[in-house]
């Protein structure tokens, strides 16, 4: 689990997966091939309105919750 930082949830997701993989974020596919980064950031900008979002990204199931906590697990 990792909290999203001030750069936004979308950037935090990419950095978290890259750290887990031991690669540079630029080595991963663009997030916008899986989910809209702008929509993801907008959803979690106001925590009072956010819920939980789950999506696939680069072979991982990513979940972001209303506290901007990010969890990943390998997709099957």
C-alpha atoms as a PDB file:
ATOM      1  CA  UNK A   1       0.000   0.000   0.000  1.00  0.00           C
ATOM      2  CA  UNK A   2       1.263   3.425  -0.855  1.00  0.00           C
ATOM      3  CA  UNK A   3      -0.308   6.827  -0.305  1.00  0.00           C
ATOM      4  CA  UNK A   4      -0.634   9.033  -3.361  1.00  0.00           C
ATOM      5  CA  UNK A   5       1.527  12.110  -3.138  1.00  0.00           C
ATOM      6  CA  UNK A   6       0.945  15.710  -4.120  1.00  0.00           C
ATOM      7  CA  UNK A   7       1.723  15.002  -7.791  1.00  0.00           C
ATOM      8  CA  UNK A   8      -1.632  13.284  -8.163  1.00  0.00           C
ATOM      9  CA  UNK A   9      -2.946   9.777  -8.047  1.00  0.00           C
ATOM     10  CA  UNK A  10      -2.141   8.980 -11.678  1.00  0.00           C
ATOM     11  CA  UNK A  11       1.564   9.751 -11.300  1.00  0.00           C
ATOM     12  CA  UNK A  12       1.677   7.901  -7.980  1.00  0.00           C
ATOM     13  CA  UNK A  13       0.209   4.763  -9.604  1.00  0.00           C
ATOM     14  CA  UNK A  14       2.846   4.759 -12.336  1.00  0.00           C
ATOM     15  CA  UNK A  15       5.666   5.362  -9.836  1.00  0.00           C
ATOM     16  CA  UNK A  16       4.383   2.663  -7.475  1.00  0.00           C
ATOM     17  CA  UNK A  17       4.191   0.027 -10.215  1.00  0.00           C
ATOM     18  CA  UNK A  18       7.612   1.065 -11.537  1.00  0.00           C
ATOM     19  CA  UNK A  19       9.135   0.787  -8.040  1.00  0.00           C
ATOM     20  CA  UNK A  20       7.542  -2.629  -7.575  1.00  0.00           C
ATOM     21  CA  UNK A  21       8.890  -3.784 -10.952  1.00  0.00           C
ATOM     22  CA  UNK A  22      12.306  -2.205 -10.368  1.00  0.00           C
ATOM     23  CA  UNK A  23      12.099  -0.188 -13.568  1.00  0.00           C
ATOM     24  CA  UNK A  24      11.835   3.443 -14.575  1.00  0.00           C
ATOM     25  CA  UNK A  25       8.305   4.829 -14.955  1.00  0.00           C
ATOM     26  CA  UNK A  26       9.145   5.509 -18.597  1.00  0.00           C
ATOM     27  CA  UNK A  27       9.646   1.759 -19.117  1.00  0.00           C
ATOM     28  CA  UNK A  28       5.957   1.126 -18.386  1.00  0.00           C
ATOM     29  CA  UNK A  29       3.155   1.551 -20.912  1.00  0.00           C
ATOM     30  CA  UNK A  30       1.349   4.898 -20.811  1.00  0.00           C
ATOM     31  CA  UNK A  31      -1.329   4.936 -18.130  1.00  0.00           C
ATOM     32  CA  UNK A  32      -3.803   6.490 -20.570  1.00  0.00           C
ATOM     33  CA  UNK A  33      -3.909   3.177 -22.460  1.00  0.00           C
ATOM     34  CA  UNK A  34      -5.681   1.736 -19.393  1.00  0.00           C
ATOM     35  CA  UNK A  35      -7.474   4.614 -17.643  1.00  0.00           C
ATOM     36  CA  UNK A  36      -7.808   8.377 -18.059  1.00  0.00           C
ATOM     37  CA  UNK A  37      -5.136  10.000 -15.848  1.00  0.00           C
ATOM     38  CA  UNK A  38      -7.050  13.295 -15.820  1.00  0.00           C
ATOM     39  CA  UNK A  39     -10.267  11.611 -14.702  1.00  0.00           C
ATOM     40  CA  UNK A  40      -8.433   9.596 -12.052  1.00  0.00           C
ATOM     41  CA  UNK A  41      -6.755  12.706 -10.640  1.00  0.00           C
ATOM     42  CA  UNK A  42     -10.011  14.669 -10.715  1.00  0.00           C
ATOM     43  CA  UNK A  43     -11.899  11.921  -8.916  1.00  0.00           C
ATOM     44  CA  UNK A  44      -9.436  11.820  -6.043  1.00  0.00           C
ATOM     45  CA  UNK A  45      -8.737  15.547  -5.833  1.00  0.00           C
ATOM     46  CA  UNK A  46     -11.800  15.966  -3.604  1.00  0.00           C
ATOM     47  CA  UNK A  47     -11.631  13.100  -1.108  1.00  0.00           C
ATOM     48  CA  UNK A  48     -15.160  13.714   0.156  1.00  0.00           C
ATOM     49  CA  UNK A  49     -16.577  12.629  -3.198  1.00  0.00           C
ATOM     50  CA  UNK A  50     -14.159   9.817  -4.026  1.00  0.00           C
ATOM     51  CA  UNK A  51     -14.863   6.150  -3.513  1.00  0.00           C
ATOM     52  CA  UNK A  52     -12.734   3.230  -4.616  1.00  0.00           C
ATOM     53  CA  UNK A  53     -11.539   2.684  -8.169  1.00  0.00           C
ATOM     54  CA  UNK A  54     -10.041  -0.559  -9.450  1.00  0.00           C
ATOM     55  CA  UNK A  55      -8.431  -1.009 -12.866  1.00  0.00           C
ATOM     56  CA  UNK A  56      -5.816  -3.065 -14.702  1.00  0.00           C
ATOM     57  CA  UNK A  57      -2.464  -1.480 -15.479  1.00  0.00           C
ATOM     58  CA  UNK A  58       0.662  -3.118 -16.896  1.00  0.00           C
ATOM     59  CA  UNK A  59      -0.190  -6.581 -15.588  1.00  0.00           C
ATOM     60  CA  UNK A  60      -1.405  -5.383 -12.186  1.00  0.00           C
ATOM     61  CA  UNK A  61      -4.771  -4.855 -10.600  1.00  0.00           C
ATOM     62  CA  UNK A  62      -4.609  -1.358  -9.111  1.00  0.00           C
ATOM     63  CA  UNK A  63      -6.984  -0.140  -6.427  1.00  0.00           C
ATOM     64  CA  UNK A  64      -7.142   3.454  -5.197  1.00  0.00           C
ATOM     65  CA  UNK A  65      -9.374   4.241  -2.233  1.00  0.00           C
ATOM     66  CA  UNK A  66     -10.942   7.385  -0.801  1.00  0.00           C
ATOM     67  CA  UNK A  67      -7.872   7.970   1.396  1.00  0.00           C
ATOM     68  CA  UNK A  68      -5.683   8.018  -1.741  1.00  0.00           C
ATOM     69  CA  UNK A  69      -4.097   4.732  -0.717  1.00  0.00           C
ATOM     70  CA  UNK A  70      -2.884   2.655  -3.641  1.00  0.00           C
ATOM     71  CA  UNK A  71      -2.706  -1.131  -3.607  1.00  0.00           C
ATOM     72  CA  UNK A  72      -1.487  -3.360  -6.401  1.00  0.00           C
ATOM     73  CA  UNK A  73      -1.537  -7.073  -7.011  1.00  0.00           C
ATOM     74  CA  UNK A  74      -0.553  -9.087 -10.025  1.00  0.00           C
ATOM     75  CA  UNK A  75      -3.400  -9.683 -12.468  1.00  0.00           C
ATOM     76  CA  UNK A  76      -4.203 -13.275 -13.181  1.00  0.00           C
END
